PDB file of N, CA and C in Angstrom:
ATOM      1  N   UNK A   1       0.997  -1.132  -0.168  1.00  0.00           N
ATOM      2  CA  UNK A   1       0.168  -0.338  -0.057  1.00  0.00           C
ATOM      3  C   UNK A   1       1.125   0.992   0.247  1.00  0.00           C
ATOM      4  N   UNK A   2       2.038   1.041   0.859  1.00  0.00           N
ATOM      5  CA  UNK A   2       3.282   2.232   0.525  1.00  0.00           C
ATOM      6  C   UNK A   2       3.520   1.928  -0.825  1.00  0.00           C
ATOM      7  N   UNK A   3       3.950   1.588  -1.723  1.00  0.00           N
ATOM      8  CA  UNK A   3       3.912   1.750  -3.318  1.00  0.00           C
ATOM      9  C   UNK A   3       3.512   2.536  -3.739  1.00  0.00           C
ATOM     10  N   UNK A   4       4.423   3.400  -5.007  1.00  0.00           N
ATOM     11  CA  UNK A   4       3.627   3.962  -5.691  1.00  0.00           C
ATOM     12  C   UNK A   4       4.480   3.073  -6.636  1.00  0.00           C
ATOM     13  N   UNK A   5       4.328   2.576  -8.340  1.00  0.00           N
ATOM     14  CA  UNK A   5       4.693   2.858  -9.334  1.00  0.00           C
ATOM     15  C   UNK A   5       4.608   3.859 -10.425  1.00  0.00           C
ATOM     16  N   UNK A   6       4.909   3.517 -11.859  1.00  0.00           N
ATOM     17  CA  UNK A   6       5.669   5.248 -12.446  1.00  0.00           C
ATOM     18  C   UNK A   6       5.286   4.619 -13.334  1.00  0.00           C
ATOM     19  N   UNK A   7       4.787   4.563 -14.901  1.00  0.00           N
ATOM     20  CA  UNK A   7       5.233   3.687 -15.985  1.00  0.00           C
ATOM     21  C   UNK A   7       5.831   5.133 -16.825  1.00  0.00           C
ATOM     22  N   UNK A   8       6.952   5.015 -18.036  1.00  0.00           N
ATOM     23  CA  UNK A   8       7.618   5.601 -18.258  1.00  0.00           C
ATOM     24  C   UNK A   8       6.748   5.094 -20.031  1.00  0.00           C
ATOM     25  N   UNK A   9       7.478   5.921 -20.735  1.00  0.00           N
ATOM     26  CA  UNK A   9       8.057   5.416 -21.898  1.00  0.00           C
ATOM     27  C   UNK A   9       9.320   5.094 -21.672  1.00  0.00           C
ATOM     28  N   UNK A  10       9.438   3.509 -22.860  1.00  0.00           N
ATOM     29  CA  UNK A  10      10.338   2.911 -23.092  1.00  0.00           C
ATOM     30  C   UNK A  10      11.764   3.117 -23.319  1.00  0.00           C
ATOM     31  N   UNK A  11      12.950   2.969 -21.706  1.00  0.00           N
ATOM     32  CA  UNK A  11      13.779   4.125 -22.094  1.00  0.00           C
ATOM     33  C   UNK A  11      14.685   5.304 -21.240  1.00  0.00           C
ATOM     34  N   UNK A  12      12.859   5.378 -20.922  1.00  0.00           N
ATOM     35  CA  UNK A  12      13.081   6.577 -19.767  1.00  0.00           C
ATOM     36  C   UNK A  12      12.697   6.689 -18.678  1.00  0.00           C
ATOM     37  N   UNK A  13      13.022   5.252 -17.723  1.00  0.00           N
ATOM     38  CA  UNK A  13      12.691   5.503 -16.940  1.00  0.00           C
ATOM     39  C   UNK A  13      13.532   6.442 -15.594  1.00  0.00           C
ATOM     40  N   UNK A  14      14.601   5.744 -15.864  1.00  0.00           N
ATOM     41  CA  UNK A  14      16.019   6.205 -15.631  1.00  0.00           C
ATOM     42  C   UNK A  14      15.936   8.056 -15.575  1.00  0.00           C
ATOM     43  N   UNK A  15      15.753   8.096 -16.550  1.00  0.00           N
ATOM     44  CA  UNK A  15      15.607   9.934 -16.368  1.00  0.00           C
ATOM     45  C   UNK A  15      14.441  10.341 -15.529  1.00  0.00           C
ATOM     46  N   UNK A  16      12.986   9.618 -15.463  1.00  0.00           N
ATOM     47  CA  UNK A  16      12.104  10.565 -13.876  1.00  0.00           C
ATOM     48  C   UNK A  16      12.586   9.965 -13.040  1.00  0.00           C
ATOM     49  N   UNK A  17      13.232   8.494 -13.041  1.00  0.00           N
ATOM     50  CA  UNK A  17      13.589   8.292 -11.098  1.00  0.00           C
ATOM     51  C   UNK A  17      14.569   9.804 -11.227  1.00  0.00           C
ATOM     52  N   UNK A  18      16.006   9.827 -11.753  1.00  0.00           N
ATOM     53  CA  UNK A  18      16.616  11.303 -11.145  1.00  0.00           C
ATOM     54  C   UNK A  18      15.829  12.386 -11.435  1.00  0.00           C
ATOM     55  N   UNK A  19      14.858  12.710 -11.663  1.00  0.00           N
ATOM     56  CA  UNK A  19      14.240  14.260 -11.813  1.00  0.00           C
ATOM     57  C   UNK A  19      13.736  14.023 -10.789  1.00  0.00           C
ATOM     58  N   UNK A  20      12.743  12.848 -10.128  1.00  0.00           N
ATOM     59  CA  UNK A  20      12.556  12.726  -8.931  1.00  0.00           C
ATOM     60  C   UNK A  20      13.407  12.947  -8.019  1.00  0.00           C
ATOM     61  N   UNK A  21      14.003  12.028  -7.564  1.00  0.00           N
ATOM     62  CA  UNK A  21      15.650  12.681  -6.381  1.00  0.00           C
ATOM     63  C   UNK A  21      15.872  13.505  -6.883  1.00  0.00           C
ATOM     64  N   UNK A  22      15.774  14.406  -7.829  1.00  0.00           N
ATOM     65  CA  UNK A  22      16.527  16.087  -8.230  1.00  0.00           C
ATOM     66  C   UNK A  22      15.682  16.948  -6.676  1.00  0.00           C
ATOM     67  N   UNK A  23      13.711  16.685  -7.015  1.00  0.00           N
ATOM     68  CA  UNK A  23      13.001  16.992  -6.560  1.00  0.00           C
ATOM     69  C   UNK A  23      13.045  16.557  -4.814  1.00  0.00           C
ATOM     70  N   UNK A  24      13.328  16.278  -4.497  1.00  0.00           N
ATOM     71  CA  UNK A  24      13.887  15.803  -3.251  1.00  0.00           C
ATOM     72  C   UNK A  24      12.067  15.825  -1.718  1.00  0.00           C
ATOM     73  N   UNK A  25      11.318  14.794  -3.084  1.00  0.00           N
ATOM     74  CA  UNK A  25      10.255  14.680  -2.545  1.00  0.00           C
ATOM     75  C   UNK A  25      10.025  13.740  -0.856  1.00  0.00           C
ATOM     76  N   UNK A  26       9.491  14.204   0.428  1.00  0.00           N
ATOM     77  CA  UNK A  26       9.434  14.418   1.763  1.00  0.00           C
ATOM     78  C   UNK A  26       9.012  12.510   1.410  1.00  0.00           C
ATOM     79  N   UNK A  27       8.303  12.268   0.106  1.00  0.00           N
ATOM     80  CA  UNK A  27       7.542  10.570   0.448  1.00  0.00           C
ATOM     81  C   UNK A  27       8.063  10.184  -0.080  1.00  0.00           C
ATOM     82  N   UNK A  28       8.817  10.162  -0.391  1.00  0.00           N
ATOM     83  CA  UNK A  28       9.694   8.887  -1.081  1.00  0.00           C
ATOM     84  C   UNK A  28      11.016   9.294  -0.431  1.00  0.00           C
ATOM     85  N   UNK A  29      11.028   7.300   0.127  1.00  0.00           N
ATOM     86  CA  UNK A  29      12.622   7.403   1.069  1.00  0.00           C
ATOM     87  C   UNK A  29      13.717   6.677  -0.137  1.00  0.00           C
ATOM     88  N   UNK A  30      12.167   5.695  -1.249  1.00  0.00           N
ATOM     89  CA  UNK A  30      13.662   5.193  -1.929  1.00  0.00           C
ATOM     90  C   UNK A  30      13.068   4.835  -3.115  1.00  0.00           C
ATOM     91  N   UNK A  31      14.107   4.866  -4.534  1.00  0.00           N
ATOM     92  CA  UNK A  31      13.292   4.427  -5.994  1.00  0.00           C
ATOM     93  C   UNK A  31      13.501   3.429  -7.184  1.00  0.00           C
ATOM     94  N   UNK A  32      13.862   2.553  -7.611  1.00  0.00           N
ATOM     95  CA  UNK A  32      13.928   2.272  -8.221  1.00  0.00           C
ATOM     96  C   UNK A  32      13.745   1.795  -9.303  1.00  0.00           C
ATOM     97  N   UNK A  33      14.418   2.132 -10.798  1.00  0.00           N
ATOM     98  CA  UNK A  33      14.069   2.113 -12.485  1.00  0.00           C
ATOM     99  C   UNK A  33      14.219   1.005 -12.841  1.00  0.00           C
ATOM    100  N   UNK A  34      13.505   0.876 -13.751  1.00  0.00           N
ATOM    101  CA  UNK A  34      14.086  -0.232 -15.100  1.00  0.00           C
ATOM    102  C   UNK A  34      13.920  -0.046 -16.308  1.00  0.00           C
ATOM    103  N   UNK A  35      14.341  -0.449 -16.978  1.00  0.00           N
ATOM    104  CA  UNK A  35      13.311   0.107 -18.576  1.00  0.00           C
ATOM    105  C   UNK A  35      12.501   1.549 -19.100  1.00  0.00           C
ATOM    106  N   UNK A  36      11.127   0.884 -18.098  1.00  0.00           N
ATOM    107  CA  UNK A  36      10.258   1.679 -18.723  1.00  0.00           C
ATOM    108  C   UNK A  36       8.930   1.720 -17.262  1.00  0.00           C
ATOM    109  N   UNK A  37       9.555   1.849 -16.214  1.00  0.00           N
ATOM    110  CA  UNK A  37       9.216   1.307 -15.054  1.00  0.00           C
ATOM    111  C   UNK A  37       9.677   2.002 -13.411  1.00  0.00           C
ATOM    112  N   UNK A  38       9.072   2.823 -12.906  1.00  0.00           N
ATOM    113  CA  UNK A  38      10.009   3.235 -11.569  1.00  0.00           C
ATOM    114  C   UNK A  38       8.507   2.880 -10.458  1.00  0.00           C
ATOM    115  N   UNK A  39      10.016   2.055  -9.320  1.00  0.00           N
ATOM    116  CA  UNK A  39       8.441   1.248  -8.124  1.00  0.00           C
ATOM    117  C   UNK A  39       8.906   2.531  -6.361  1.00  0.00           C
ATOM    118  N   UNK A  40       8.127   2.969  -6.529  1.00  0.00           N
ATOM    119  CA  UNK A  40       8.553   4.067  -5.192  1.00  0.00           C
ATOM    120  C   UNK A  40       8.506   4.243  -3.447  1.00  0.00           C
ATOM    121  N   UNK A  41       9.300   3.709  -2.437  1.00  0.00           N
ATOM    122  CA  UNK A  41       9.273   3.838  -1.727  1.00  0.00           C
ATOM    123  C   UNK A  41       8.455   4.751  -0.231  1.00  0.00           C
ATOM    124  N   UNK A  42       7.285   4.429   0.100  1.00  0.00           N
ATOM    125  CA  UNK A  42       6.559   5.197   0.702  1.00  0.00           C
ATOM    126  C   UNK A  42       6.500   5.471   2.364  1.00  0.00           C
ATOM    127  N   UNK A  43       7.263   6.114   3.217  1.00  0.00           N
ATOM    128  CA  UNK A  43       7.238   6.043   4.685  1.00  0.00           C
ATOM    129  C   UNK A  43       5.780   5.183   4.716  1.00  0.00           C
ATOM    130  N   UNK A  44       4.553   5.454   4.247  1.00  0.00           N
ATOM    131  CA  UNK A  44       3.300   5.140   4.905  1.00  0.00           C
ATOM    132  C   UNK A  44       2.293   5.168   3.434  1.00  0.00           C
ATOM    133  N   UNK A  45       0.818   5.129   3.875  1.00  0.00           N
ATOM    134  CA  UNK A  45       0.100   4.913   2.472  1.00  0.00           C
ATOM    135  C   UNK A  45      -0.493   6.485   2.727  1.00  0.00           C
ATOM    136  N   UNK A  46      -0.198   7.171   3.721  1.00  0.00           N
ATOM    137  CA  UNK A  46      -1.006   9.361   3.180  1.00  0.00           C
ATOM    138  C   UNK A  46       0.567   9.542   2.616  1.00  0.00           C
ATOM    139  N   UNK A  47       1.578   9.359   3.109  1.00  0.00           N
ATOM    140  CA  UNK A  47       2.549   9.507   1.589  1.00  0.00           C
ATOM    141  C   UNK A  47       2.582   9.005   0.163  1.00  0.00           C
ATOM    142  N   UNK A  48       2.097   7.696   0.050  1.00  0.00           N
ATOM    143  CA  UNK A  48       1.887   7.203  -1.593  1.00  0.00           C
ATOM    144  C   UNK A  48       0.886   8.210  -1.844  1.00  0.00           C
ATOM    145  N   UNK A  49      -0.372   8.188  -1.068  1.00  0.00           N
ATOM    146  CA  UNK A  49      -1.202   9.459  -1.622  1.00  0.00           C
ATOM    147  C   UNK A  49      -0.792  10.659  -2.156  1.00  0.00           C
ATOM    148  N   UNK A  50      -0.193  10.762  -1.121  1.00  0.00           N
ATOM    149  CA  UNK A  50       0.541  12.422  -1.373  1.00  0.00           C
ATOM    150  C   UNK A  50       1.163  12.732  -2.346  1.00  0.00           C
ATOM    151  N   UNK A  51       1.786  11.731  -3.182  1.00  0.00           N
ATOM    152  CA  UNK A  51       3.254  11.560  -4.345  1.00  0.00           C
ATOM    153  C   UNK A  51       2.831  11.003  -4.911  1.00  0.00           C
ATOM    154  N   UNK A  52       1.530  10.613  -5.021  1.00  0.00           N
ATOM    155  CA  UNK A  52       0.820  10.399  -6.335  1.00  0.00           C
ATOM    156  C   UNK A  52      -0.065  11.519  -6.566  1.00  0.00           C
ATOM    157  N   UNK A  53      -0.633  12.486  -5.276  1.00  0.00           N
ATOM    158  CA  UNK A  53      -1.100  14.355  -6.059  1.00  0.00           C
ATOM    159  C   UNK A  53      -0.426  14.892  -6.546  1.00  0.00           C
ATOM    160  N   UNK A  54       1.332  14.815  -5.546  1.00  0.00           N
ATOM    161  CA  UNK A  54       2.061  15.862  -6.466  1.00  0.00           C
ATOM    162  C   UNK A  54       2.682  15.416  -7.530  1.00  0.00           C
ATOM    163  N   UNK A  55       2.628  14.588  -8.882  1.00  0.00           N
ATOM    164  CA  UNK A  55       3.645  13.735  -9.112  1.00  0.00           C
ATOM    165  C   UNK A  55       1.850  14.353 -10.555  1.00  0.00           C
ATOM    166  N   UNK A  56       0.798  13.407  -9.978  1.00  0.00           N
ATOM    167  CA  UNK A  56      -0.704  14.319 -10.772  1.00  0.00           C
ATOM    168  C   UNK A  56      -0.219  16.129 -10.709  1.00  0.00           C
ATOM    169  N   UNK A  57      -0.374  16.349 -10.457  1.00  0.00           N
ATOM    170  CA  UNK A  57      -0.163  17.953 -10.264  1.00  0.00           C
ATOM    171  C   UNK A  57       0.969  18.523 -11.224  1.00  0.00           C
ATOM    172  N   UNK A  58       2.493  18.003 -10.306  1.00  0.00           N
ATOM    173  CA  UNK A  58       3.213  18.269 -12.527  1.00  0.00           C
ATOM    174  C   UNK A  58       3.370  18.007 -13.816  1.00  0.00           C
ATOM    175  N   UNK A  59       2.320  17.071 -13.539  1.00  0.00           N
ATOM    176  CA  UNK A  59       2.334  16.750 -14.960  1.00  0.00           C
ATOM    177  C   UNK A  59       0.883  17.571 -15.135  1.00  0.00           C
ATOM    178  N   UNK A  60      -0.190  18.075 -14.326  1.00  0.00           N
ATOM    179  CA  UNK A  60      -0.972  18.209 -15.487  1.00  0.00           C
ATOM    180  C   UNK A  60      -0.353  20.540 -15.648  1.00  0.00           C
ATOM    181  N   UNK A  61       0.940  20.853 -14.835  1.00  0.00           N
ATOM    182  CA  UNK A  61       1.635  21.748 -15.091  1.00  0.00           C
ATOM    183  C   UNK A  61       2.510  22.122 -16.057  1.00  0.00           C
ATOM    184  N   UNK A  62       2.271  20.704 -16.556  1.00  0.00           N
ATOM    185  CA  UNK A  62       2.940  20.207 -17.840  1.00  0.00           C
ATOM    186  C   UNK A  62       2.585  20.337 -19.005  1.00  0.00           C
ATOM    187  N   UNK A  63       1.231  20.141 -18.446  1.00  0.00           N
ATOM    188  CA  UNK A  63       0.782  19.963 -20.581  1.00  0.00           C
ATOM    189  C   UNK A  63       0.357  21.520 -20.968  1.00  0.00           C
TER     190      UNK A  63
END
């Protein structure tokens, strides 16, 4: 319940994970990236929900 999975375009997960690391989001305890998927571990269910909200807000700004 405290994991957030993010899907990206093929080959972009490492770049997106690096960008998330640079944002220093307090909700993220750690993350691991593959080719097109990132898994973020959060401390709690509430932190996971907040992370999803924050990422959604970031995506809306860039559209």
